[in-house]
Amino acid sequence: MRIVFMGTPDFSVPVLDALVEAGHDIAAVYCQPPRPAGRGKKERPSPVHARAQALGLQVRHPVSLKSPEEQAAFAALDADVAVVVAYGLILPQAVLDAPRRGCLNIHASLLPRWRGAAPIHRAIMAGDRETGVCIMQMEAGLDTGPVLICRSTPIGTEETTGELHDRLSQMGAALIVEALERLDELEPTPQPEHGVTYADKIEKAEARIDWTRPAEEVDRLIRGLSPFPGAWAEIDGQRVKFLGSRVEPGNGAPGEVLDDRLLIACGTGAVRITRLQRAGKAAQDADIFLRGWPIARGTRL
């Protein structure tokens, strides 16, 4: 098929690769414009932009698709279908209507649960036991379109958002290739009206750990916000990100370190911290972290 691909972050890159490998004609790649990054604030292309250039594909990065000129340029690509995954811009109706077979979105949840911006984070933070990927026919609403095909996967008990992100990206890549192969036979299924939840964007205020919460909630927060933005607490006045954890037995005052291997008491139960990151330093597994900064039993976080 002749495809317009629309995506921006790392999550989208395996999908683009899979479409190229499957032999589809990529008419153009749309992504967010380069952003200032690093200490020099030099403009850096997005992961999709960089990958598309490496593949020799035409790249477009308009700030908006609302203008008649941009919509006409999109329509002129004469695409069979647009594949959209974590693009970052709302598609006007004229864009949704332009491809002959419409626009297909790859969404990293089991719709209608976790519509919106942060479905992977929210699934782990809520304690969901499974999630998945849906291929959805796009319409004007926020992730409200009918679903063409869906695959589910269990969430590991110690899995982080970063790890689940990578698995779902690969699942989405395989699933969109299958969906395009079977497009004539797949029946769009309207999403049920019950079970709708929204995956709101992660706010910085959510990232501070409240050790008075039950261990299960603290563990889900740590894994759900790993690696970004990273759940954090202060140790001896220094902010430290906690990037990996598991629930273990333990009792003590909330925030109290219960042994020399970072078992930390919560409101009920305790969490074992398995990965950390100091400001300005690389993330480290707990045993390596503790060699450079031993945290004594009885320390309060």
Protein backbone atom coordinates (compact mmCIF):
# COMPACT_ATOMS: atom_id res chain seq x y z
CA MET A 1 0.00 0.00 0.00
CA ARG A 2 0.95 3.64 -0.38
CA ILE A 3 1.24 4.87 3.22
CA VAL A 4 1.74 8.15 5.03
CA PHE A 5 3.46 7.41 8.33
CA MET A 6 2.88 9.76 11.26
CA GLY A 7 4.87 9.31 14.47
CA THR A 8 7.54 11.02 16.57
CA PRO A 9 9.17 9.22 19.56
CA ASP A 10 11.16 6.01 19.99
CA PHE A 11 7.95 4.01 20.36
CA SER A 12 7.10 4.73 16.71
CA VAL A 13 10.44 3.73 15.14
CA PRO A 14 9.94 -0.09 15.07
CA VAL A 15 6.58 0.49 13.38
CA LEU A 16 8.18 2.51 10.58
CA ASP A 17 10.86 -0.16 10.16
CA ALA A 18 8.22 -2.91 9.99
CA LEU A 19 6.21 -1.10 7.31
CA VAL A 20 9.32 -0.58 5.18
CA GLU A 21 10.41 -4.20 5.65
CA ALA A 22 6.91 -5.40 4.64
CA GLY A 23 7.38 -3.67 1.30
CA HIS A 24 4.91 -0.81 1.65
CA ASP A 25 5.47 2.44 -0.26
CA ILE A 26 6.05 5.18 2.32
CA ALA A 27 4.87 8.35 0.55
CA ALA A 28 6.04 10.61 3.39
CA VAL A 29 6.86 10.58 7.08
CA TYR A 30 5.26 13.18 9.34
CA CYS A 31 6.74 13.91 12.78
CA GLN A 32 7.09 16.71 15.31
CA PRO A 33 9.60 19.46 14.42
CA PRO A 34 13.15 19.28 15.81
CA ARG A 35 13.37 20.58 19.40
CA PRO A 36 16.22 22.25 21.31
CA ALA A 37 18.02 19.64 23.38
CA GLY A 38 21.21 19.14 25.37
CA ARG A 39 23.38 21.75 27.06
CA GLY A 40 23.83 23.76 23.87
CA LYS A 41 20.08 23.69 23.15
CA LYS A 42 20.84 22.72 19.58
CA GLU A 43 17.80 21.58 17.61
CA ARG A 44 17.63 17.79 17.57
CA PRO A 45 15.42 15.76 15.21
CA SER A 46 12.98 13.31 16.76
CA PRO A 47 13.78 9.57 16.69
CA VAL A 48 11.34 9.04 13.81
CA HIS A 49 12.82 11.98 11.88
CA ALA A 50 16.32 10.56 12.26
CA ARG A 51 15.26 7.05 11.26
CA ALA A 52 13.26 8.25 8.25
CA GLN A 53 16.25 10.23 7.00
CA ALA A 54 18.46 7.16 7.39
CA LEU A 55 15.97 5.21 5.30
CA GLY A 56 15.96 7.90 2.62
CA LEU A 57 12.30 8.81 3.15
CA GLN A 58 10.68 12.19 2.66
CA VAL A 59 10.17 13.88 6.07
CA ARG A 60 7.67 16.60 6.90
CA HIS A 61 7.33 18.26 10.30
CA PRO A 62 4.67 20.97 10.19
CA VAL A 63 3.85 22.78 13.43
CA SER A 64 0.14 22.30 12.67
CA LEU A 65 -2.10 20.56 10.14
CA LYS A 66 -4.89 23.08 10.42
CA SER A 67 -4.04 25.28 7.43
CA PRO A 68 -5.62 24.60 4.02
CA GLU A 69 -2.13 24.53 2.52
CA GLU A 70 -0.91 21.74 4.82
CA GLN A 71 -4.11 19.77 4.30
CA ALA A 72 -3.80 20.10 0.53
CA ALA A 73 -0.16 18.95 0.69
CA PHE A 74 -1.21 15.93 2.72
CA ALA A 75 -4.03 15.04 0.31
CA ALA A 76 -1.66 15.40 -2.66
CA LEU A 77 0.34 12.42 -1.37
CA ASP A 78 -2.53 10.25 -2.69
CA ALA A 79 -2.18 7.69 0.10
CA ASP A 80 -4.13 4.49 0.53
CA VAL A 81 -3.86 4.77 4.31
CA ALA A 82 -2.15 6.77 7.04
CA VAL A 83 -0.54 4.89 9.92
CA VAL A 84 -0.42 7.01 13.08
CA VAL A 85 1.46 6.12 16.26
CA ALA A 86 2.35 8.64 18.99
CA TYR A 87 2.44 11.48 16.46
CA GLY A 88 1.62 14.32 18.85
CA LEU A 89 -0.73 16.47 16.75
CA ILE A 90 -4.50 16.34 16.44
CA LEU A 91 -5.55 15.38 12.92
CA PRO A 92 -8.24 17.65 11.44
CA GLN A 93 -11.18 15.96 9.71
CA ALA A 94 -9.79 16.89 6.29
CA VAL A 95 -6.63 14.92 7.07
CA LEU A 96 -8.59 11.98 8.49
CA ASP A 97 -10.65 11.84 5.30
CA ALA A 98 -7.79 12.20 2.80
CA PRO A 99 -6.38 8.62 2.56
CA ARG A 100 -8.60 6.20 0.63
CA ARG A 101 -8.73 3.72 3.53
CA GLY A 102 -8.62 6.33 6.28
CA CYS A 103 -6.15 6.72 9.16
CA LEU A 104 -5.18 3.82 11.41
CA ASN A 105 -3.87 4.49 14.91
CA ILE A 106 -1.71 2.12 16.95
CA HIS A 107 -2.71 2.59 20.60
CA ALA A 108 -0.85 0.96 23.50
CA SER A 109 -3.78 -0.18 25.62
CA LEU A 110 -6.84 -2.41 25.53
CA LEU A 111 -9.39 0.18 24.46
CA PRO A 112 -11.59 1.68 25.78
CA ARG A 113 -9.37 1.42 28.87
CA TRP A 114 -6.65 4.08 28.97
CA ARG A 115 -7.53 6.37 26.13
CA GLY A 116 -5.19 9.35 25.96
CA ALA A 117 -1.58 10.37 26.42
CA ALA A 118 0.04 7.97 28.92
CA PRO A 119 -1.59 4.53 28.66
CA ILE A 120 1.53 2.52 29.53
CA HIS A 121 2.36 4.54 32.66
CA ARG A 122 -1.25 4.46 33.84
CA ALA A 123 -1.72 0.73 33.33
CA ILE A 124 1.24 -0.07 35.60
CA MET A 125 0.38 2.64 38.15
CA ALA A 126 -3.18 1.30 38.39
CA GLY A 127 -1.99 -2.27 38.96
CA ASP A 128 -3.47 -3.68 35.75
CA ARG A 129 -2.47 -7.29 35.19
CA GLU A 130 -2.62 -7.04 31.41
CA THR A 131 -2.52 -4.50 28.64
CA GLY A 132 -2.04 -4.67 24.89
CA VAL A 133 -2.16 -2.95 21.54
CA CYS A 134 -5.18 -1.94 19.48
CA ILE A 135 -5.30 -0.91 15.83
CA MET A 136 -8.08 1.67 15.64
CA GLN A 137 -9.80 3.46 12.77
CA MET A 138 -9.32 7.10 13.67
CA GLU A 139 -12.14 9.59 14.07
CA ALA A 140 -12.40 13.07 15.56
CA GLY A 141 -12.73 11.96 19.23
CA LEU A 142 -9.83 11.11 21.56
CA ASP A 143 -9.10 7.43 20.86
CA THR A 144 -12.81 6.75 20.35
CA GLY A 145 -12.74 5.08 16.92
CA PRO A 146 -13.73 1.49 16.15
CA VAL A 147 -11.10 -1.19 16.72
CA LEU A 148 -9.95 -3.38 13.83
CA ILE A 149 -7.66 -5.78 15.68
CA CYS A 150 -6.26 -6.14 19.21
CA ARG A 151 -3.63 -8.18 21.05
CA SER A 152 -3.19 -8.49 24.82
CA THR A 153 -0.15 -9.25 26.97
CA PRO A 154 0.37 -9.74 30.72
CA ILE A 155 2.25 -7.09 32.70
CA GLY A 156 5.17 -8.55 34.64
CA THR A 157 5.18 -8.15 38.42
CA GLU A 158 8.48 -6.19 38.29
CA GLU A 159 8.06 -4.70 34.80
CA THR A 160 8.68 -0.99 34.36
CA THR A 161 7.07 1.41 31.91
CA GLY A 162 10.32 1.44 29.92
CA GLU A 163 10.36 -2.34 29.55
CA LEU A 164 6.66 -2.56 28.72
CA HIS A 165 7.01 0.35 26.28
CA ASP A 166 9.59 -1.60 24.27
CA ARG A 167 7.49 -4.77 24.21
CA LEU A 168 4.33 -2.95 23.12
CA SER A 169 6.23 -1.07 20.42
CA GLN A 170 7.31 -4.36 18.86
CA MET A 171 3.79 -5.78 19.25
CA GLY A 172 2.32 -2.72 17.55
CA ALA A 173 4.77 -3.04 14.66
CA ALA A 174 3.80 -6.65 14.02
CA LEU A 175 0.09 -5.98 14.49
CA ILE A 176 -0.14 -3.08 12.02
CA VAL A 177 1.57 -5.18 9.34
CA GLU A 178 -0.99 -7.94 9.97
CA ALA A 179 -3.86 -5.44 9.95
CA LEU A 180 -2.81 -4.01 6.59
CA GLU A 181 -2.53 -7.50 5.11
CA ARG A 182 -6.06 -8.32 6.33
CA LEU A 183 -7.63 -4.90 5.91
CA ASP A 184 -10.32 -6.10 3.50
CA GLU A 185 -11.56 -8.75 5.93
CA LEU A 186 -11.30 -6.94 9.26
CA GLU A 187 -14.57 -5.59 10.64
CA PRO A 188 -14.33 -2.32 12.63
CA THR A 189 -15.83 -2.97 16.08
CA PRO A 190 -17.23 0.04 17.97
CA GLN A 191 -15.70 0.46 21.40
CA PRO A 192 -18.05 -0.42 24.29
CA GLU A 193 -19.49 2.45 26.26
CA HIS A 194 -18.57 0.84 29.60
CA GLY A 195 -15.03 0.53 30.89
CA VAL A 196 -13.80 3.86 29.51
CA THR A 197 -10.81 5.35 31.39
CA TYR A 198 -8.45 8.17 30.47
CA ALA A 199 -4.66 8.07 30.71
CA ASP A 200 -3.94 11.66 31.65
CA LYS A 201 -0.50 13.10 30.96
CA ILE A 202 1.93 12.46 33.82
CA GLU A 203 2.39 15.54 36.00
CA LYS A 204 5.65 16.26 37.82
CA ALA A 205 3.81 16.53 41.14
CA GLU A 206 2.88 12.84 40.90
CA ALA A 207 6.51 11.74 40.94
CA ARG A 208 7.35 12.38 44.62
CA ILE A 209 7.05 9.16 46.61
CA ASP A 210 4.70 9.18 49.59
CA TRP A 211 6.04 6.43 51.83
CA THR A 212 2.86 6.45 53.93
CA ARG A 213 1.05 4.75 51.03
CA PRO A 214 0.79 0.93 50.94
CA ALA A 215 3.82 -0.86 49.52
CA GLU A 216 1.84 -2.06 46.49
CA GLU A 217 1.02 1.53 45.51
CA VAL A 218 4.59 2.75 46.04
CA ASP A 219 5.93 -0.13 43.95
CA ARG A 220 3.49 0.61 41.12
CA LEU A 221 4.42 4.31 41.19
CA ILE A 222 8.14 3.54 40.99
CA ARG A 223 7.76 1.05 38.13
CA GLY A 224 5.11 3.15 36.37
CA LEU A 225 7.29 6.26 36.27
CA SER A 226 10.50 4.44 35.26
CA PRO A 227 12.53 5.60 33.45
CA PHE A 228 10.69 8.88 32.91
CA PRO A 229 10.00 11.10 34.73
CA GLY A 230 11.22 8.89 37.59
CA ALA A 231 9.63 8.61 41.03
CA TRP A 232 11.83 10.34 43.59
CA ALA A 233 12.56 10.91 47.25
CA GLU A 234 15.32 12.62 49.21
CA ILE A 235 18.18 10.77 50.87
CA ASP A 236 20.25 12.95 53.21
CA GLY A 237 18.86 16.02 51.45
CA GLN A 238 19.71 14.80 47.94
CA ARG A 239 17.00 13.99 45.41
CA VAL A 240 17.27 10.42 44.11
CA LYS A 241 15.15 8.75 41.45
CA PHE A 242 13.88 5.25 42.20
CA LEU A 243 13.61 3.29 38.96
CA GLY A 244 13.04 -0.32 39.98
CA SER A 245 11.36 -2.07 42.90
CA ARG A 246 9.41 -5.04 44.18
CA VAL A 247 7.15 -5.62 47.16
CA GLU A 248 8.65 -7.58 50.07
CA PRO A 249 7.63 -8.26 53.69
CA GLY A 250 8.77 -5.65 56.18
CA ASN A 251 7.51 -3.36 58.93
CA GLY A 252 8.69 -0.01 60.15
CA ALA A 253 7.99 3.72 60.10
CA PRO A 254 7.12 4.95 56.59
CA GLY A 255 10.34 5.82 54.73
CA GLU A 256 12.59 3.91 57.15
CA VAL A 257 15.41 1.85 55.63
CA LEU A 258 15.02 -1.63 57.15
CA ASP A 259 18.30 -3.28 56.07
CA ASP A 260 21.55 -2.50 54.27
CA ARG A 261 20.11 -3.40 50.83
CA LEU A 262 17.42 -0.72 50.56
CA LEU A 263 14.32 -2.41 51.89
CA ILE A 264 12.13 0.60 52.70
CA ALA A 265 9.05 0.58 54.94
CA CYS A 266 5.80 1.95 53.61
CA GLY A 267 2.44 2.67 55.21
CA THR A 268 1.85 -1.06 55.08
CA GLY A 269 4.53 -3.51 53.93
CA ALA A 270 7.82 -2.57 52.31
CA VAL A 271 9.48 -2.22 48.93
CA ARG A 272 12.91 -3.45 47.88
CA ILE A 273 14.58 -0.82 45.67
CA THR A 274 16.44 -2.46 42.77
CA ARG A 275 17.57 0.50 40.65
CA LEU A 276 18.33 4.17 41.43
CA GLN A 277 19.74 7.33 39.92
CA ARG A 278 21.40 10.32 41.57
CA ALA A 279 21.13 13.76 39.98
CA GLY A 280 23.66 14.13 37.19
CA LYS A 281 24.64 10.44 37.34
CA ALA A 282 23.73 7.37 35.31
CA ALA A 283 21.11 4.94 36.61
CA GLN A 284 22.57 2.02 38.58
CA ASP A 285 21.40 -1.28 40.00
CA ALA A 286 21.04 -1.05 43.76
CA ASP A 287 24.06 -3.18 44.64
CA ILE A 288 26.38 -0.97 42.55
CA PHE A 289 24.71 2.21 43.84
CA LEU A 290 25.26 1.14 47.44
CA ARG A 291 28.98 0.53 46.90
CA GLY A 292 29.43 4.22 46.21
CA TRP A 293 26.83 5.45 48.68
CA PRO A 294 25.98 3.03 51.50
CA ILE A 295 22.56 3.78 53.01
CA ALA A 296 22.51 2.67 56.64
CA ARG A 297 19.69 0.77 58.28
CA GLY A 298 17.50 3.23 60.17
CA THR A 299 17.94 6.07 57.66
CA ARG A 300 14.66 7.90 57.02
CA LEU A 301 13.73 8.92 53.50
